Amino acid sequence: MTSPGPVPLATVADVQARTDQELTPAEQTRVGVLIADATALARARVIPFPTPPPATAVGVICTAVLRALGTPADGVKSETVGGHTRVAAREGGGLYLTDDELDLLRPAAPGRGDAFSIWTT
């Protein structure tokens, strides 16, 4: 018997709340898979992963999932309709986390953000 994977860092409802487009049942299924993949990716790239997860985790995972949903699944790098051309921001598109997103998942450095005083005479 296999053990369940890590607890997802977001839900389908979290993703739905961040888009104006109503997700179809097929898209909801795909979103669930992408959330699991993004969670695994985040936990693999941020070591050690903080427990509990940072408050930014839900937003980071949802952003990556929505970006992946907006990427053509067939590997198209660019498309042109009339006078408009769209070029993928990242070769291959798909699901990924940016360096800034990974930074949002990492624990703050010790002492970071603490207030301090400088004594003068």
Foldseek 3Di string as FASTA:
>chain_A
DDDDDDDFLEALVLLCVVDPDDADPVRNVVLVVQSSVLRVVLPVVAPPFDVPWDPCSHVQSSVQSVQQVVDDPVQDQWDDDVPDIDGDPDRSRHGDGDPVSSVSRYDDDPPPPDDDDDDDD
